[in-house]
Each structure stands twice: as structure tokens, then as C-alpha cells.
Amino acid sequence: MGFFSRLLGHDHEDDPDLSSAHDATVPATQAPTSELLPTPTLEPISQERLITLFDKEEWHYEIDADGDLGGRWDNGIFYFLFAGNEKEILHISSRMREEIPEECADDFKVFIEDWNRDKIWPKAYYVYTDGGQLHLHAEVNVDYEQGASDSQIMQHIHCALGTTLSLYSATMERFNIPSLDAEENDK
């Protein structure tokens, strides 16, 4: 009986299928076959691929005047850009629609530092507009130099959307910022 079986009180000695499992060995020289581990096709990333994936998800998006792919999820405006010499880096950039109140600026900056120290994604930062308004921005970047499968791209996008919206929600809660959506619905 193995260590964890003893620790958890599992006794498989009465089950012939499980009791002999620890005796089964695979020679170290035997490589896994493609039947066991299917390899997804890795293709270069592109705006066209993202549009195809967005269409499959039935997501609403637009191409702006600069040719950038963007969309709105909850209270975030997101852009899906490509960087690097070969446009192999998917850069998902976002801005929270709501402004940060000026009276919260100092505490907000500490909040952003704490977020970046404690969380992997997204990278959070703030920007003052030319008009002096304080806005929260976030980004998630992944290098796809070797290409990516559709499922890898979608996992990246879902990660970026989920973690960014979590940041925005935490910010709005912490600083008691009303949602623009709620204000727009009240009109």
C-alpha cells in the first residue's frame, strides 16, 4: 500500500484492478504516442483568427478607425492588438469606463501597487487624461512565437477578460465607484 493510500485510509488490496496498479511500469525509453497525446495544430496568430473565434462565440466587436479590434465587456473597453517583429505577441489592453475620483487618487495608486504585487494578471496601471481625469488600465500579453491553437488563444482571452473585470470590480467596490451602466439605465 502506498503512502497516500495509507494516509487517506484507502485499501485497494481487495480490488485486483487497483491493487496491482503500482506494479505496472512503462519503460523509460518508451515515448508517448500521438494516440495518447494529440498535438493541436499551432498556427500564427492574427486579427482574422480572432474575428473568427469571436464570431464562433457570438461576441460583439468592432474594428476602429485605426484598424484595431476592440469590444466592450461589462465596464471594460478591450482592444486586441499584435506586437513584436512578427506580430506574434497578443496584447490585450483595456480601460475601465468609470473614472477614479480625484479624492481617491493616493489610495488608488497604493491599491494598484498592491494588485501588481499580489496578482499575476492583469498588469494594472493608471493614466491621467489630458483633461486631468484618472483612469484605470490593464493588460495581459502572451508571446505566441511558435503559434497557437484556437483553444490556447481562447484560454488567453478568457483569462484576460476574467482577471481584468475582477480588477475593475474590486476597484469599484474598494472606492465606491458607481457603474456607468447603472447611471445610464437610470436615465
C-alpha atoms as a PDB file:
ATOM      1  CA  MET A   1       0.000   0.000   0.000  1.00  0.00           C
ATOM      2  CA  GLY A   2       1.348   3.435  -0.933  1.00  0.00           C
ATOM      3  CA  PHE A   3       1.911   6.371   1.401  1.00  0.00           C
ATOM      4  CA  PHE A   4      -1.156   8.343   0.290  1.00  0.00           C
ATOM      5  CA  SER A   5      -3.375   5.264   0.348  1.00  0.00           C
ATOM      6  CA  ARG A   6      -2.371   4.661   3.967  1.00  0.00           C
ATOM      7  CA  LEU A   7      -2.731   8.342   4.811  1.00  0.00           C
ATOM      8  CA  LEU A   8      -6.205   8.561   3.295  1.00  0.00           C
ATOM      9  CA  GLY A   9      -7.295   5.132   4.511  1.00  0.00           C
ATOM     10  CA  HIS A  10      -7.724   3.661   1.028  1.00  0.00           C
ATOM     11  CA  ASP A  11      -7.038  -0.043   0.811  1.00  0.00           C
ATOM     12  CA  HIS A  12      -7.125  -1.383  -2.729  1.00  0.00           C
ATOM     13  CA  GLU A  13      -5.712  -4.822  -1.938  1.00  0.00           C
ATOM     14  CA  ASP A  14      -9.185  -6.353  -2.329  1.00  0.00           C
ATOM     15  CA  ASP A  15      -9.607  -4.865  -5.811  1.00  0.00           C
ATOM     16  CA  PRO A  16      -7.411  -6.758  -8.309  1.00  0.00           C
ATOM     17  CA  ASP A  17      -7.621  -3.929 -10.859  1.00  0.00           C
ATOM     18  CA  LEU A  18      -6.280  -1.362  -8.398  1.00  0.00           C
ATOM     19  CA  SER A  19      -4.043  -3.439  -6.142  1.00  0.00           C
ATOM     20  CA  SER A  20      -1.699  -4.348  -8.992  1.00  0.00           C
ATOM     21  CA  ALA A  21      -1.636  -0.828 -10.473  1.00  0.00           C
ATOM     22  CA  HIS A  22       1.551   0.028  -8.622  1.00  0.00           C
ATOM     23  CA  ASP A  23       3.282  -2.925 -10.286  1.00  0.00           C
ATOM     24  CA  ALA A  24       2.618  -1.659 -13.809  1.00  0.00           C
ATOM     25  CA  THR A  25       5.613   0.096 -15.295  1.00  0.00           C
ATOM     26  CA  VAL A  26       6.270   1.826 -18.573  1.00  0.00           C
ATOM     27  CA  PRO A  27       9.812   1.567 -19.862  1.00  0.00           C
ATOM     28  CA  ALA A  28      11.587   4.917 -19.605  1.00  0.00           C
ATOM     29  CA  THR A  29      12.611   4.678 -23.257  1.00  0.00           C
ATOM     30  CA  GLN A  30       9.017   4.370 -24.474  1.00  0.00           C
ATOM     31  CA  ALA A  31       7.819   7.767 -25.672  1.00  0.00           C
ATOM     32  CA  PRO A  32       4.138   8.681 -25.530  1.00  0.00           C
ATOM     33  CA  THR A  33       2.375   8.173 -28.824  1.00  0.00           C
ATOM     34  CA  SER A  34       0.245  10.720 -30.611  1.00  0.00           C
ATOM     35  CA  GLU A  35      -2.752   8.496 -29.868  1.00  0.00           C
ATOM     36  CA  LEU A  36      -2.269   9.246 -26.190  1.00  0.00           C
ATOM     37  CA  LEU A  37      -1.363  12.918 -26.513  1.00  0.00           C
ATOM     38  CA  PRO A  38      -2.980  14.588 -29.507  1.00  0.00           C
ATOM     39  CA  THR A  39      -0.990  17.588 -30.641  1.00  0.00           C
ATOM     40  CA  PRO A  40      -3.049  20.654 -31.552  1.00  0.00           C
ATOM     41  CA  THR A  41      -2.174  22.494 -34.708  1.00  0.00           C
ATOM     42  CA  LEU A  42      -0.256  25.656 -33.912  1.00  0.00           C
ATOM     43  CA  GLU A  43      -0.933  28.449 -36.373  1.00  0.00           C
ATOM     44  CA  PRO A  44       0.290  32.058 -36.354  1.00  0.00           C
ATOM     45  CA  ILE A  45      -1.999  34.448 -34.522  1.00  0.00           C
ATOM     46  CA  SER A  46      -3.768  37.175 -36.463  1.00  0.00           C
ATOM     47  CA  GLN A  47      -6.666  39.570 -36.244  1.00  0.00           C
ATOM     48  CA  GLU A  48      -8.555  37.413 -38.752  1.00  0.00           C
ATOM     49  CA  ARG A  49      -8.243  34.379 -36.437  1.00  0.00           C
ATOM     50  CA  LEU A  50      -9.528  36.411 -33.506  1.00  0.00           C
ATOM     51  CA  ILE A  51     -12.501  37.623 -35.539  1.00  0.00           C
ATOM     52  CA  THR A  52     -13.330  34.028 -36.500  1.00  0.00           C
ATOM     53  CA  LEU A  53     -13.133  32.986 -32.827  1.00  0.00           C
ATOM     54  CA  PHE A  54     -15.226  35.971 -31.725  1.00  0.00           C
ATOM     55  CA  ASP A  55     -17.850  35.087 -34.338  1.00  0.00           C
ATOM     56  CA  LYS A  56     -17.971  31.498 -33.018  1.00  0.00           C
ATOM     57  CA  GLU A  57     -18.542  32.898 -29.512  1.00  0.00           C
ATOM     58  CA  GLU A  58     -21.151  35.318 -30.922  1.00  0.00           C
ATOM     59  CA  TRP A  59     -19.284  38.224 -29.302  1.00  0.00           C
ATOM     60  CA  HIS A  60     -19.903  41.777 -30.453  1.00  0.00           C
ATOM     61  CA  TYR A  61     -16.799  43.630 -31.606  1.00  0.00           C
ATOM     62  CA  GLU A  62     -15.727  46.401 -33.920  1.00  0.00           C
ATOM     63  CA  ILE A  63     -12.744  47.494 -35.927  1.00  0.00           C
ATOM     64  CA  ASP A  64     -11.914  51.119 -35.123  1.00  0.00           C
ATOM     65  CA  ALA A  65     -10.626  53.802 -37.491  1.00  0.00           C
ATOM     66  CA  ASP A  66      -7.037  52.639 -36.859  1.00  0.00           C
ATOM     67  CA  GLY A  67      -7.929  49.062 -37.822  1.00  0.00           C
ATOM     68  CA  ASP A  68      -7.758  47.783 -34.225  1.00  0.00           C
ATOM     69  CA  LEU A  69     -10.082  45.044 -32.994  1.00  0.00           C
ATOM     70  CA  GLY A  70     -11.997  46.020 -29.879  1.00  0.00           C
ATOM     71  CA  GLY A  71     -15.092  45.404 -27.847  1.00  0.00           C
ATOM     72  CA  ARG A  72     -16.806  46.090 -24.559  1.00  0.00           C
ATOM     73  CA  TRP A  73     -17.278  43.575 -21.781  1.00  0.00           C
ATOM     74  CA  ASP A  74     -19.171  44.848 -18.733  1.00  0.00           C
ATOM     75  CA  ASN A  75     -17.457  48.079 -17.680  1.00  0.00           C
ATOM     76  CA  GLY A  76     -14.248  47.484 -19.639  1.00  0.00           C
ATOM     77  CA  ILE A  77     -13.254  48.582 -23.111  1.00  0.00           C
ATOM     78  CA  PHE A  78     -10.859  45.988 -24.548  1.00  0.00           C
ATOM     79  CA  TYR A  79      -8.507  46.053 -27.512  1.00  0.00           C
ATOM     80  CA  PHE A  80      -6.799  43.036 -29.037  1.00  0.00           C
ATOM     81  CA  LEU A  81      -3.525  44.167 -30.563  1.00  0.00           C
ATOM     82  CA  PHE A  82      -0.458  42.471 -32.005  1.00  0.00           C
ATOM     83  CA  ALA A  83       3.120  43.370 -31.110  1.00  0.00           C
ATOM     84  CA  GLY A  84       6.598  42.045 -31.846  1.00  0.00           C
ATOM     85  CA  ASN A  85       8.652  41.853 -35.018  1.00  0.00           C
ATOM     86  CA  GLU A  86       6.395  39.130 -36.436  1.00  0.00           C
ATOM     87  CA  LYS A  87       3.202  40.334 -34.679  1.00  0.00           C
ATOM     88  CA  GLU A  88       3.494  37.193 -32.538  1.00  0.00           C
ATOM     89  CA  ILE A  89       2.536  38.803 -29.216  1.00  0.00           C
ATOM     90  CA  LEU A  90      -1.158  39.071 -28.423  1.00  0.00           C
ATOM     91  CA  HIS A  91      -1.552  42.236 -26.377  1.00  0.00           C
ATOM     92  CA  ILE A  92      -4.965  42.563 -24.718  1.00  0.00           C
ATOM     93  CA  SER A  93      -5.329  46.083 -23.402  1.00  0.00           C
ATOM     94  CA  SER A  94      -8.254  47.522 -21.502  1.00  0.00           C
ATOM     95  CA  ARG A  95      -9.559  50.638 -19.786  1.00  0.00           C
ATOM     96  CA  MET A  96     -12.225  50.786 -17.116  1.00  0.00           C
ATOM     97  CA  ARG A  97     -15.001  53.074 -18.317  1.00  0.00           C
ATOM     98  CA  GLU A  98     -15.509  54.703 -14.936  1.00  0.00           C
ATOM     99  CA  GLU A  99     -13.176  57.446 -13.730  1.00  0.00           C
ATOM    100  CA  ILE A 100     -11.321  57.234 -10.442  1.00  0.00           C
ATOM    101  CA  PRO A 101     -12.425  60.076  -8.140  1.00  0.00           C
ATOM    102  CA  GLU A 102      -9.612  62.585  -7.591  1.00  0.00           C
ATOM    103  CA  GLU A 103     -10.037  62.417  -3.820  1.00  0.00           C
ATOM    104  CA  CYS A 104      -9.154  58.685  -4.005  1.00  0.00           C
ATOM    105  CA  ALA A 105      -6.024  59.142  -6.150  1.00  0.00           C
ATOM    106  CA  ASP A 106      -3.392  58.458  -3.475  1.00  0.00           C
ATOM    107  CA  ASP A 107      -5.157  55.401  -2.036  1.00  0.00           C
ATOM    108  CA  PHE A 108      -5.901  54.189  -5.567  1.00  0.00           C
ATOM    109  CA  LYS A 109      -2.207  54.290  -6.508  1.00  0.00           C
ATOM    110  CA  VAL A 110      -1.363  52.161  -3.459  1.00  0.00           C
ATOM    111  CA  PHE A 111      -4.192  49.796  -4.401  1.00  0.00           C
ATOM    112  CA  ILE A 112      -2.666  49.365  -7.890  1.00  0.00           C
ATOM    113  CA  GLU A 113       0.790  48.681  -6.420  1.00  0.00           C
ATOM    114  CA  ASP A 114      -0.727  46.052  -4.118  1.00  0.00           C
ATOM    115  CA  TRP A 115      -2.637  44.465  -7.008  1.00  0.00           C
ATOM    116  CA  ASN A 116       0.502  44.148  -9.143  1.00  0.00           C
ATOM    117  CA  ARG A 117       2.470  42.698  -6.249  1.00  0.00           C
ATOM    118  CA  ASP A 118      -0.204  40.152  -5.282  1.00  0.00           C
ATOM    119  CA  LYS A 119      -1.627  39.120  -8.671  1.00  0.00           C
ATOM    120  CA  ILE A 120      -0.097  37.703 -11.822  1.00  0.00           C
ATOM    121  CA  TRP A 121      -2.688  39.185 -14.201  1.00  0.00           C
ATOM    122  CA  PRO A 122      -3.554  41.659 -15.382  1.00  0.00           C
ATOM    123  CA  LYS A 123      -0.817  44.235 -15.199  1.00  0.00           C
ATOM    124  CA  ALA A 124      -2.629  47.260 -13.821  1.00  0.00           C
ATOM    125  CA  TYR A 125      -1.680  50.902 -14.226  1.00  0.00           C
ATOM    126  CA  TYR A 126      -3.310  54.314 -14.216  1.00  0.00           C
ATOM    127  CA  VAL A 127      -3.334  57.124 -16.738  1.00  0.00           C
ATOM    128  CA  TYR A 128      -4.271  60.778 -16.369  1.00  0.00           C
ATOM    129  CA  THR A 129      -6.081  62.073 -19.439  1.00  0.00           C
ATOM    130  CA  ASP A 130      -5.317  65.480 -20.938  1.00  0.00           C
ATOM    131  CA  GLY A 131      -8.389  66.716 -19.077  1.00  0.00           C
ATOM    132  CA  GLY A 132      -6.963  65.523 -15.743  1.00  0.00           C
ATOM    133  CA  GLN A 133      -9.264  62.525 -15.250  1.00  0.00           C
ATOM    134  CA  LEU A 134      -7.709  59.447 -13.641  1.00  0.00           C
ATOM    135  CA  HIS A 135      -8.390  56.130 -15.407  1.00  0.00           C
ATOM    136  CA  LEU A 136      -7.510  52.525 -14.637  1.00  0.00           C
ATOM    137  CA  HIS A 137      -5.889  50.497 -17.427  1.00  0.00           C
ATOM    138  CA  ALA A 138      -4.909  46.830 -17.577  1.00  0.00           C
ATOM    139  CA  GLU A 139      -3.156  44.482 -19.974  1.00  0.00           C
ATOM    140  CA  VAL A 140      -2.338  40.822 -20.475  1.00  0.00           C
ATOM    141  CA  ASN A 141       0.313  39.790 -23.011  1.00  0.00           C
ATOM    142  CA  VAL A 142       1.270  36.358 -24.332  1.00  0.00           C
ATOM    143  CA  ASP A 143       4.031  35.585 -26.817  1.00  0.00           C
ATOM    144  CA  TYR A 144       2.902  33.123 -29.483  1.00  0.00           C
ATOM    145  CA  GLU A 145       6.165  32.933 -31.409  1.00  0.00           C
ATOM    146  CA  GLN A 146       5.589  29.222 -32.043  1.00  0.00           C
ATOM    147  CA  GLY A 147       1.945  29.770 -32.968  1.00  0.00           C
ATOM    148  CA  ALA A 148      -1.167  28.862 -31.012  1.00  0.00           C
ATOM    149  CA  SER A 149      -4.174  26.604 -31.169  1.00  0.00           C
ATOM    150  CA  ASP A 150      -7.650  28.117 -31.072  1.00  0.00           C
ATOM    151  CA  SER A 151      -8.138  26.754 -27.557  1.00  0.00           C
ATOM    152  CA  GLN A 152      -4.904  28.409 -26.358  1.00  0.00           C
ATOM    153  CA  ILE A 153      -5.998  31.745 -27.776  1.00  0.00           C
ATOM    154  CA  MET A 154      -9.447  31.442 -26.206  1.00  0.00           C
ATOM    155  CA  GLN A 155      -7.942  30.484 -22.841  1.00  0.00           C
ATOM    156  CA  HIS A 156      -5.740  33.593 -23.019  1.00  0.00           C
ATOM    157  CA  ILE A 157      -8.686  35.813 -23.929  1.00  0.00           C
ATOM    158  CA  HIS A 158     -10.903  34.363 -21.196  1.00  0.00           C
ATOM    159  CA  CYS A 159      -8.057  34.840 -18.690  1.00  0.00           C
ATOM    160  CA  ALA A 160      -7.566  38.445 -19.763  1.00  0.00           C
ATOM    161  CA  LEU A 161     -11.281  39.254 -19.650  1.00  0.00           C
ATOM    162  CA  GLY A 162     -11.885  37.488 -16.339  1.00  0.00           C
ATOM    163  CA  THR A 163      -8.893  38.832 -14.436  1.00  0.00           C
ATOM    164  CA  THR A 164      -9.321  42.357 -15.795  1.00  0.00           C
ATOM    165  CA  LEU A 165     -13.012  42.503 -14.949  1.00  0.00           C
ATOM    166  CA  SER A 166     -12.150  41.173 -11.493  1.00  0.00           C
ATOM    167  CA  LEU A 167      -9.680  44.076 -11.084  1.00  0.00           C
ATOM    168  CA  TYR A 168     -12.320  46.571 -12.201  1.00  0.00           C
ATOM    169  CA  SER A 169     -14.912  45.109  -9.859  1.00  0.00           C
ATOM    170  CA  ALA A 170     -12.501  45.175  -6.900  1.00  0.00           C
ATOM    171  CA  THR A 171     -11.578  48.788  -7.705  1.00  0.00           C
ATOM    172  CA  MET A 172     -15.184  49.923  -7.940  1.00  0.00           C
ATOM    173  CA  GLU A 173     -16.055  48.172  -4.691  1.00  0.00           C
ATOM    174  CA  ARG A 174     -12.998  49.465  -2.819  1.00  0.00           C
ATOM    175  CA  PHE A 175     -13.517  53.091  -3.893  1.00  0.00           C
ATOM    176  CA  ASN A 176     -17.331  53.020  -4.014  1.00  0.00           C
ATOM    177  CA  ILE A 177     -17.451  53.951  -7.696  1.00  0.00           C
ATOM    178  CA  PRO A 178     -20.900  53.648  -9.278  1.00  0.00           C
ATOM    179  CA  SER A 179     -21.160  51.785 -12.568  1.00  0.00           C
ATOM    180  CA  LEU A 180     -21.747  53.897 -15.661  1.00  0.00           C
ATOM    181  CA  ASP A 181     -24.140  51.152 -16.761  1.00  0.00           C
ATOM    182  CA  ALA A 182     -26.300  51.747 -13.683  1.00  0.00           C
ATOM    183  CA  GLU A 183     -26.211  55.504 -14.288  1.00  0.00           C
ATOM    184  CA  GLU A 184     -27.128  55.047 -17.959  1.00  0.00           C
ATOM    185  CA  ASN A 185     -30.031  52.760 -17.020  1.00  0.00           C
ATOM    186  CA  ASP A 186     -31.343  55.368 -14.555  1.00  0.00           C
ATOM    187  CA  LYS A 187     -31.699  57.978 -17.326  1.00  0.00           C
END
